[in-house]
Amino acid sequence: MTGPRARVVVLLAAGGALVGCGDTVTGAATPTTTPAYIQQYANAGAALDTATTTWDTLGQSLVAAGTNTVANEAPINASYAQALQTFGDALLAIQFPATAMNDVHTLVNAAATVRTDLAGVASGAVPTTQFVSDESNLQAAINLVQRDLGVGSSTPIAGA
């Protein structure tokens, strides 16, 4: 987008849920095991986090240099849109508990909406306010799924 950058979302790596607790040396407690779907979600989220940070950094550098034109932003937005597609596809391939599936589908749809927005936001065909709103919906959907999985919520990139 050739105006101010919108804020972007970031997933929590679900690290707290991936760490076992207890002391196996003394036998004081049994380490917990992480369900496969949490690790798969964390992997998909980590890949999206990387893409989001790259997209935001590159976009901010264009703004700082005064070169945030449609032509310069198009490949950055396309790369981020692909990362959102990959994230959505990865989520659909994970066998989540039935209780989380509605929220997972809401998350996939929210990612698809942001992906669609990216195609028109740089040119002004999609208003910045719509893009920011759709990103906010994506963040809310991420937090719902993470709540369902018991891994806590995430926050947007600070200052973005």
N, C-alpha and C. Protein backbone atom coordinates (compact mmCIF):
# COMPACT_ATOMS: atom_id res chain seq x y z
N MET A 1 0.85 -1.15 0.00
CA MET A 1 0.00 0.00 0.00
C MET A 1 0.89 1.21 0.00
N THR A 2 0.54 2.16 -0.78
CA THR A 2 1.41 3.30 -0.97
C THR A 2 1.23 4.37 0.09
N GLY A 3 0.35 4.18 1.01
CA GLY A 3 0.18 5.08 2.14
C GLY A 3 0.89 4.51 3.35
N PRO A 4 0.47 4.90 4.54
CA PRO A 4 1.07 4.35 5.75
C PRO A 4 0.86 2.84 5.81
N ARG A 5 1.81 2.15 6.38
CA ARG A 5 1.70 0.70 6.52
C ARG A 5 0.65 0.36 7.57
N ALA A 6 -0.11 -0.66 7.30
CA ALA A 6 -1.07 -1.16 8.27
C ALA A 6 -0.33 -2.06 9.25
N ARG A 7 -0.92 -2.30 10.41
CA ARG A 7 -0.27 -3.23 11.32
C ARG A 7 -0.50 -4.65 10.83
N VAL A 8 0.38 -5.52 11.21
CA VAL A 8 0.29 -6.90 10.75
C VAL A 8 0.23 -7.84 11.94
N VAL A 9 -0.21 -9.05 11.69
CA VAL A 9 -0.41 -10.01 12.76
C VAL A 9 0.78 -10.95 12.88
N VAL A 10 0.92 -11.47 14.06
CA VAL A 10 1.97 -12.43 14.33
C VAL A 10 1.39 -13.52 15.23
N LEU A 11 1.71 -14.73 14.94
CA LEU A 11 1.29 -15.85 15.78
C LEU A 11 2.28 -16.06 16.89
N LEU A 12 1.81 -16.57 17.97
CA LEU A 12 2.68 -17.00 19.04
C LEU A 12 3.23 -18.36 18.62
N ALA A 13 4.44 -18.63 18.88
CA ALA A 13 5.04 -19.89 18.46
C ALA A 13 4.54 -21.07 19.29
N ALA A 14 3.64 -20.83 20.17
CA ALA A 14 3.06 -21.89 21.00
C ALA A 14 4.12 -22.57 21.84
N GLY A 15 5.19 -21.88 22.09
CA GLY A 15 6.33 -22.44 22.81
C GLY A 15 5.97 -22.93 24.19
N GLY A 16 5.18 -22.17 24.91
CA GLY A 16 4.82 -22.58 26.26
C GLY A 16 4.10 -23.90 26.28
N ALA A 17 3.32 -24.17 25.27
CA ALA A 17 2.58 -25.43 25.22
C ALA A 17 3.45 -26.58 24.75
N LEU A 18 4.59 -26.27 24.16
CA LEU A 18 5.44 -27.32 23.60
C LEU A 18 6.47 -27.82 24.59
N VAL A 19 6.62 -27.17 25.71
CA VAL A 19 7.64 -27.54 26.67
C VAL A 19 7.04 -28.46 27.71
N GLY A 20 7.68 -29.59 27.93
CA GLY A 20 7.23 -30.50 28.98
C GLY A 20 7.60 -29.94 30.33
N CYS A 21 6.89 -30.36 31.34
CA CYS A 21 7.24 -29.88 32.67
C CYS A 21 7.57 -31.08 33.54
N GLY A 22 8.26 -30.82 34.58
CA GLY A 22 8.59 -31.88 35.51
C GLY A 22 10.07 -32.20 35.47
N ASP A 23 10.46 -33.05 36.36
CA ASP A 23 11.85 -33.42 36.51
C ASP A 23 11.95 -34.93 36.36
N THR A 24 12.41 -35.39 35.20
CA THR A 24 12.48 -36.83 34.98
C THR A 24 13.67 -37.46 35.68
N VAL A 25 14.65 -36.66 36.07
CA VAL A 25 15.81 -37.20 36.76
C VAL A 25 15.42 -37.68 38.15
N THR A 26 14.66 -36.88 38.86
CA THR A 26 14.28 -37.27 40.21
C THR A 26 12.95 -38.01 40.24
N GLY A 27 12.24 -37.99 39.12
CA GLY A 27 10.95 -38.65 39.07
C GLY A 27 9.86 -37.87 39.78
N ALA A 28 10.08 -36.60 40.03
CA ALA A 28 9.11 -35.80 40.76
C ALA A 28 7.82 -35.59 39.98
N ALA A 29 7.91 -35.53 38.66
CA ALA A 29 6.72 -35.33 37.84
C ALA A 29 6.97 -35.95 36.48
N THR A 30 5.90 -36.26 35.80
CA THR A 30 6.01 -36.83 34.46
C THR A 30 5.94 -35.71 33.43
N PRO A 31 6.88 -35.71 32.47
CA PRO A 31 6.81 -34.67 31.44
C PRO A 31 5.52 -34.80 30.65
N THR A 32 4.98 -33.67 30.23
CA THR A 32 3.77 -33.70 29.42
C THR A 32 4.15 -33.95 27.97
N THR A 33 3.23 -34.51 27.25
CA THR A 33 3.45 -34.70 25.82
C THR A 33 2.57 -33.71 25.08
N THR A 34 3.09 -33.21 24.00
CA THR A 34 2.36 -32.24 23.20
C THR A 34 1.64 -32.97 22.08
N PRO A 35 0.33 -32.74 21.94
CA PRO A 35 -0.37 -33.36 20.81
C PRO A 35 0.24 -32.90 19.49
N ALA A 36 0.24 -33.78 18.51
CA ALA A 36 0.84 -33.50 17.20
C ALA A 36 0.24 -32.24 16.58
N TYR A 37 -1.06 -32.03 16.75
CA TYR A 37 -1.68 -30.87 16.11
C TYR A 37 -1.13 -29.55 16.66
N ILE A 38 -0.72 -29.51 17.90
CA ILE A 38 -0.15 -28.28 18.44
C ILE A 38 1.22 -28.02 17.81
N GLN A 39 2.03 -29.04 17.68
CA GLN A 39 3.33 -28.87 17.04
C GLN A 39 3.16 -28.49 15.57
N GLN A 40 2.23 -29.10 14.89
CA GLN A 40 1.98 -28.76 13.48
C GLN A 40 1.50 -27.32 13.35
N TYR A 41 0.61 -26.91 14.25
CA TYR A 41 0.14 -25.52 14.25
C TYR A 41 1.31 -24.57 14.52
N ALA A 42 2.15 -24.91 15.49
CA ALA A 42 3.30 -24.06 15.81
C ALA A 42 4.23 -23.94 14.60
N ASN A 43 4.44 -25.03 13.89
CA ASN A 43 5.29 -24.98 12.70
C ASN A 43 4.68 -24.07 11.63
N ALA A 44 3.38 -24.22 11.38
CA ALA A 44 2.71 -23.38 10.39
C ALA A 44 2.74 -21.92 10.83
N GLY A 45 2.52 -21.68 12.12
CA GLY A 45 2.56 -20.33 12.65
C GLY A 45 3.95 -19.71 12.57
N ALA A 46 4.98 -20.50 12.83
CA ALA A 46 6.35 -19.97 12.75
C ALA A 46 6.68 -19.55 11.33
N ALA A 47 6.25 -20.33 10.35
CA ALA A 47 6.49 -19.96 8.95
C ALA A 47 5.75 -18.67 8.60
N LEU A 48 4.52 -18.53 9.08
CA LEU A 48 3.77 -17.30 8.81
C LEU A 48 4.40 -16.12 9.56
N ASP A 49 4.87 -16.34 10.78
CA ASP A 49 5.55 -15.28 11.52
C ASP A 49 6.73 -14.74 10.73
N THR A 50 7.53 -15.64 10.19
CA THR A 50 8.70 -15.24 9.41
C THR A 50 8.27 -14.42 8.20
N ALA A 51 7.28 -14.90 7.48
CA ALA A 51 6.79 -14.19 6.29
C ALA A 51 6.20 -12.83 6.66
N THR A 52 5.48 -12.77 7.78
CA THR A 52 4.88 -11.51 8.23
C THR A 52 5.95 -10.49 8.58
N THR A 53 6.96 -10.94 9.32
CA THR A 53 8.04 -10.04 9.70
C THR A 53 8.80 -9.54 8.47
N THR A 54 9.05 -10.43 7.52
CA THR A 54 9.74 -10.04 6.29
C THR A 54 8.90 -9.03 5.51
N TRP A 55 7.60 -9.32 5.36
CA TRP A 55 6.69 -8.42 4.65
C TRP A 55 6.68 -7.05 5.31
N ASP A 56 6.56 -7.02 6.63
CA ASP A 56 6.50 -5.75 7.34
C ASP A 56 7.82 -4.99 7.22
N THR A 57 8.93 -5.67 7.40
CA THR A 57 10.25 -5.03 7.31
C THR A 57 10.49 -4.44 5.93
N LEU A 58 10.22 -5.22 4.90
CA LEU A 58 10.41 -4.73 3.54
C LEU A 58 9.49 -3.56 3.24
N GLY A 59 8.24 -3.66 3.66
CA GLY A 59 7.29 -2.58 3.44
C GLY A 59 7.70 -1.31 4.17
N GLN A 60 8.14 -1.46 5.42
CA GLN A 60 8.58 -0.30 6.19
C GLN A 60 9.81 0.35 5.55
N SER A 61 10.70 -0.47 4.98
CA SER A 61 11.89 0.09 4.33
C SER A 61 11.50 0.87 3.07
N LEU A 62 10.49 0.40 2.35
CA LEU A 62 10.00 1.15 1.19
C LEU A 62 9.42 2.49 1.62
N VAL A 63 8.65 2.48 2.70
CA VAL A 63 8.06 3.72 3.20
C VAL A 63 9.16 4.68 3.63
N ALA A 64 10.14 4.17 4.38
CA ALA A 64 11.23 5.03 4.87
C ALA A 64 12.03 5.64 3.72
N ALA A 65 12.19 4.87 2.65
CA ALA A 65 12.96 5.36 1.51
C ALA A 65 12.11 6.21 0.55
N GLY A 66 10.82 6.25 0.80
CA GLY A 66 9.93 7.00 -0.08
C GLY A 66 9.71 6.31 -1.42
N THR A 67 9.91 5.00 -1.44
CA THR A 67 9.77 4.23 -2.69
C THR A 67 8.64 3.22 -2.62
N ASN A 68 7.64 3.48 -1.78
CA ASN A 68 6.53 2.55 -1.63
C ASN A 68 5.50 2.77 -2.73
N THR A 69 5.88 2.36 -3.91
CA THR A 69 4.99 2.45 -5.07
C THR A 69 4.30 1.11 -5.28
N VAL A 70 3.26 1.12 -6.09
CA VAL A 70 2.55 -0.12 -6.41
C VAL A 70 3.52 -1.14 -6.99
N ALA A 71 4.39 -0.71 -7.90
CA ALA A 71 5.34 -1.63 -8.54
C ALA A 71 6.31 -2.23 -7.53
N ASN A 72 6.76 -1.44 -6.57
CA ASN A 72 7.71 -1.94 -5.57
C ASN A 72 7.04 -2.83 -4.53
N GLU A 73 5.79 -2.53 -4.22
CA GLU A 73 5.10 -3.31 -3.19
C GLU A 73 4.50 -4.61 -3.73
N ALA A 74 4.21 -4.64 -5.00
CA ALA A 74 3.53 -5.82 -5.57
C ALA A 74 4.24 -7.14 -5.27
N PRO A 75 5.56 -7.26 -5.48
CA PRO A 75 6.18 -8.55 -5.20
C PRO A 75 6.22 -8.88 -3.70
N ILE A 76 6.33 -7.85 -2.87
CA ILE A 76 6.32 -8.07 -1.42
C ILE A 76 4.95 -8.57 -0.98
N ASN A 77 3.91 -7.92 -1.48
CA ASN A 77 2.55 -8.34 -1.14
C ASN A 77 2.23 -9.72 -1.69
N ALA A 78 2.71 -10.01 -2.89
CA ALA A 78 2.47 -11.33 -3.49
C ALA A 78 3.14 -12.43 -2.67
N SER A 79 4.34 -12.16 -2.18
CA SER A 79 5.04 -13.15 -1.36
C SER A 79 4.30 -13.38 -0.05
N TYR A 80 3.84 -12.32 0.56
CA TYR A 80 3.09 -12.45 1.80
C TYR A 80 1.75 -13.16 1.57
N ALA A 81 1.10 -12.84 0.45
CA ALA A 81 -0.16 -13.51 0.11
C ALA A 81 0.07 -15.01 -0.04
N GLN A 82 1.19 -15.39 -0.65
CA GLN A 82 1.51 -16.82 -0.80
C GLN A 82 1.72 -17.47 0.56
N ALA A 83 2.37 -16.75 1.47
CA ALA A 83 2.58 -17.29 2.82
C ALA A 83 1.24 -17.49 3.54
N LEU A 84 0.31 -16.57 3.35
CA LEU A 84 -1.02 -16.73 3.93
C LEU A 84 -1.75 -17.94 3.34
N GLN A 85 -1.58 -18.16 2.04
CA GLN A 85 -2.18 -19.32 1.38
C GLN A 85 -1.58 -20.61 1.94
N THR A 86 -0.26 -20.63 2.06
CA THR A 86 0.43 -21.81 2.59
C THR A 86 -0.01 -22.09 4.02
N PHE A 87 -0.16 -21.03 4.81
CA PHE A 87 -0.62 -21.17 6.19
C PHE A 87 -2.02 -21.77 6.23
N GLY A 88 -2.92 -21.23 5.43
CA GLY A 88 -4.29 -21.77 5.39
C GLY A 88 -4.32 -23.22 4.96
N ASP A 89 -3.54 -23.55 3.93
CA ASP A 89 -3.48 -24.94 3.46
C ASP A 89 -2.93 -25.86 4.55
N ALA A 90 -1.91 -25.39 5.26
CA ALA A 90 -1.32 -26.20 6.33
C ALA A 90 -2.34 -26.45 7.44
N LEU A 91 -3.11 -25.42 7.79
CA LEU A 91 -4.12 -25.59 8.84
C LEU A 91 -5.17 -26.62 8.44
N LEU A 92 -5.58 -26.57 7.18
CA LEU A 92 -6.61 -27.51 6.72
C LEU A 92 -6.11 -28.95 6.70
N ALA A 93 -4.81 -29.13 6.66
CA ALA A 93 -4.23 -30.48 6.64
C ALA A 93 -4.01 -31.05 8.04
N ILE A 94 -4.14 -30.21 9.06
CA ILE A 94 -3.92 -30.65 10.44
C ILE A 94 -5.19 -31.25 11.01
N GLN A 95 -5.04 -32.35 11.71
CA GLN A 95 -6.19 -32.99 12.36
C GLN A 95 -6.38 -32.39 13.75
N PHE A 96 -7.10 -31.28 13.80
CA PHE A 96 -7.40 -30.60 15.05
C PHE A 96 -8.55 -31.33 15.75
N PRO A 97 -8.71 -31.11 17.06
CA PRO A 97 -9.89 -31.65 17.74
C PRO A 97 -11.15 -31.05 17.12
N ALA A 98 -12.21 -31.81 17.12
CA ALA A 98 -13.48 -31.35 16.54
C ALA A 98 -13.93 -30.04 17.15
N THR A 99 -13.65 -29.83 18.42
CA THR A 99 -14.08 -28.61 19.11
C THR A 99 -13.40 -27.35 18.56
N ALA A 100 -12.29 -27.50 17.85
CA ALA A 100 -11.56 -26.35 17.31
C ALA A 100 -11.86 -26.10 15.84
N MET A 101 -12.51 -27.03 15.18
CA MET A 101 -12.62 -26.95 13.71
C MET A 101 -13.36 -25.72 13.20
N ASN A 102 -14.43 -25.30 13.86
CA ASN A 102 -15.12 -24.09 13.39
C ASN A 102 -14.20 -22.89 13.43
N ASP A 103 -13.46 -22.77 14.53
CA ASP A 103 -12.54 -21.64 14.65
C ASP A 103 -11.38 -21.74 13.67
N VAL A 104 -10.93 -22.96 13.37
CA VAL A 104 -9.86 -23.15 12.37
C VAL A 104 -10.37 -22.67 11.00
N HIS A 105 -11.58 -23.05 10.65
CA HIS A 105 -12.13 -22.62 9.36
C HIS A 105 -12.32 -21.10 9.31
N THR A 106 -12.72 -20.51 10.43
CA THR A 106 -12.82 -19.05 10.50
C THR A 106 -11.45 -18.42 10.28
N LEU A 107 -10.42 -18.99 10.86
CA LEU A 107 -9.05 -18.50 10.69
C LEU A 107 -8.59 -18.62 9.25
N VAL A 108 -8.85 -19.75 8.62
CA VAL A 108 -8.47 -19.94 7.22
C VAL A 108 -9.18 -18.91 6.33
N ASN A 109 -10.46 -18.68 6.59
CA ASN A 109 -11.21 -17.68 5.82
C ASN A 109 -10.68 -16.27 6.05
N ALA A 110 -10.31 -15.96 7.29
CA ALA A 110 -9.77 -14.62 7.59
C ALA A 110 -8.43 -14.43 6.88
N ALA A 111 -7.60 -15.46 6.83
CA ALA A 111 -6.32 -15.38 6.12
C ALA A 111 -6.57 -15.19 4.62
N ALA A 112 -7.57 -15.87 4.09
CA ALA A 112 -7.90 -15.72 2.67
C ALA A 112 -8.37 -14.30 2.35
N THR A 113 -9.12 -13.71 3.26
CA THR A 113 -9.58 -12.34 3.06
C THR A 113 -8.41 -11.37 3.01
N VAL A 114 -7.47 -11.51 3.94
CA VAL A 114 -6.29 -10.64 3.94
C VAL A 114 -5.47 -10.87 2.67
N ARG A 115 -5.37 -12.12 2.26
CA ARG A 115 -4.65 -12.46 1.03
C ARG A 115 -5.29 -11.75 -0.17
N THR A 116 -6.61 -11.76 -0.24
CA THR A 116 -7.32 -11.08 -1.32
C THR A 116 -7.09 -9.57 -1.24
N ASP A 117 -7.13 -9.03 -0.04
CA ASP A 117 -6.89 -7.60 0.14
C ASP A 117 -5.52 -7.19 -0.40
N LEU A 118 -4.53 -8.02 -0.18
CA LEU A 118 -3.16 -7.68 -0.60
C LEU A 118 -3.07 -7.41 -2.10
N ALA A 119 -3.91 -8.06 -2.87
CA ALA A 119 -3.87 -7.86 -4.33
C ALA A 119 -4.29 -6.45 -4.72
N GLY A 120 -5.09 -5.79 -3.89
CA GLY A 120 -5.58 -4.48 -4.27
C GLY A 120 -5.19 -3.34 -3.35
N VAL A 121 -4.53 -3.64 -2.25
CA VAL A 121 -4.26 -2.59 -1.28
C VAL A 121 -3.20 -1.60 -1.77
N ALA A 122 -2.17 -2.06 -2.46
CA ALA A 122 -1.11 -1.15 -2.92
C ALA A 122 -1.63 -0.15 -3.94
N SER A 123 -2.54 -0.60 -4.78
CA SER A 123 -3.06 0.28 -5.82
C SER A 123 -4.18 1.19 -5.32
N GLY A 124 -4.66 0.93 -4.13
CA GLY A 124 -5.76 1.73 -3.60
C GLY A 124 -7.12 1.14 -3.90
N ALA A 125 -7.17 0.01 -4.61
CA ALA A 125 -8.44 -0.64 -4.91
C ALA A 125 -9.10 -1.17 -3.63
N VAL A 126 -8.29 -1.50 -2.64
CA VAL A 126 -8.78 -1.93 -1.33
C VAL A 126 -8.37 -0.83 -0.35
N PRO A 127 -9.32 -0.20 0.30
CA PRO A 127 -8.97 0.87 1.24
C PRO A 127 -8.14 0.35 2.41
N THR A 128 -7.23 1.17 2.87
CA THR A 128 -6.39 0.80 4.00
C THR A 128 -7.23 0.43 5.21
N THR A 129 -8.33 1.13 5.42
CA THR A 129 -9.19 0.82 6.58
C THR A 129 -9.76 -0.59 6.49
N GLN A 130 -10.11 -1.02 5.28
CA GLN A 130 -10.62 -2.38 5.10
C GLN A 130 -9.51 -3.39 5.39
N PHE A 131 -8.33 -3.12 4.87
CA PHE A 131 -7.19 -4.02 5.09
C PHE A 131 -6.89 -4.15 6.58
N VAL A 132 -6.84 -3.03 7.28
CA VAL A 132 -6.55 -3.04 8.72
C VAL A 132 -7.65 -3.80 9.47
N SER A 133 -8.90 -3.58 9.08
CA SER A 133 -10.01 -4.29 9.71
C SER A 133 -9.91 -5.80 9.47
N ASP A 134 -9.58 -6.18 8.23
CA ASP A 134 -9.45 -7.60 7.91
C ASP A 134 -8.27 -8.23 8.63
N GLU A 135 -7.19 -7.48 8.80
CA GLU A 135 -6.07 -7.98 9.58
C GLU A 135 -6.46 -8.15 11.05
N SER A 136 -7.25 -7.22 11.56
CA SER A 136 -7.73 -7.33 12.93
C SER A 136 -8.59 -8.58 13.10
N ASN A 137 -9.43 -8.86 12.11
CA ASN A 137 -10.24 -10.08 12.14
C ASN A 137 -9.36 -11.33 12.09
N LEU A 138 -8.29 -11.27 11.31
CA LEU A 138 -7.33 -12.39 11.25
C LEU A 138 -6.69 -12.60 12.61
N GLN A 139 -6.27 -11.51 13.25
CA GLN A 139 -5.66 -11.63 14.57
C GLN A 139 -6.64 -12.23 15.57
N ALA A 140 -7.88 -11.79 15.53
CA ALA A 140 -8.89 -12.32 16.45
C ALA A 140 -9.11 -13.82 16.20
N ALA A 141 -9.11 -14.22 14.93
CA ALA A 141 -9.28 -15.64 14.59
C ALA A 141 -8.09 -16.47 15.06
N ILE A 142 -6.89 -15.91 14.92
CA ILE A 142 -5.69 -16.60 15.41
C ILE A 142 -5.82 -16.82 16.92
N ASN A 143 -6.22 -15.78 17.62
CA ASN A 143 -6.33 -15.89 19.07
C ASN A 143 -7.41 -16.89 19.50
N LEU A 144 -8.50 -16.98 18.74
CA LEU A 144 -9.54 -17.98 19.05
C LEU A 144 -8.99 -19.40 18.92
N VAL A 145 -8.29 -19.66 17.83
CA VAL A 145 -7.73 -21.00 17.63
C VAL A 145 -6.70 -21.29 18.72
N GLN A 146 -5.87 -20.32 19.02
CA GLN A 146 -4.86 -20.55 20.05
C GLN A 146 -5.50 -20.78 21.41
N ARG A 147 -6.60 -20.12 21.67
CA ARG A 147 -7.34 -20.37 22.92
C ARG A 147 -7.88 -21.81 22.91
N ASP A 148 -8.44 -22.21 21.76
CA ASP A 148 -8.96 -23.57 21.64
C ASP A 148 -7.87 -24.60 21.91
N LEU A 149 -6.65 -24.30 21.48
CA LEU A 149 -5.53 -25.24 21.63
C LEU A 149 -4.84 -25.10 22.98
N GLY A 150 -5.21 -24.08 23.75
CA GLY A 150 -4.60 -23.88 25.06
C GLY A 150 -3.19 -23.34 25.00
N VAL A 151 -2.87 -22.58 23.95
CA VAL A 151 -1.49 -22.07 23.83
C VAL A 151 -1.39 -20.56 24.03
N GLY A 152 -2.42 -19.91 24.49
CA GLY A 152 -2.35 -18.48 24.73
C GLY A 152 -2.61 -17.69 23.46
N SER A 153 -2.60 -16.38 23.59
CA SER A 153 -2.89 -15.55 22.43
C SER A 153 -1.62 -14.87 21.95
N SER A 154 -1.74 -14.24 20.81
CA SER A 154 -0.61 -13.54 20.21
C SER A 154 -0.99 -12.09 20.01
N THR A 155 -0.02 -11.30 19.64
CA THR A 155 -0.26 -9.87 19.47
C THR A 155 0.29 -9.40 18.12
N PRO A 156 -0.23 -8.30 17.63
CA PRO A 156 0.34 -7.75 16.39
C PRO A 156 1.79 -7.31 16.61
N ILE A 157 2.52 -7.20 15.54
CA ILE A 157 3.88 -6.68 15.63
C ILE A 157 3.80 -5.27 16.19
N ALA A 158 4.54 -5.01 17.24
CA ALA A 158 4.49 -3.70 17.90
C ALA A 158 4.97 -2.61 16.95
N GLY A 159 4.23 -1.55 16.93
CA GLY A 159 4.62 -0.38 16.16
C GLY A 159 4.42 -0.50 14.66
N ALA A 160 3.88 -1.59 14.20
CA ALA A 160 3.70 -1.76 12.76
C ALA A 160 2.46 -1.05 12.31
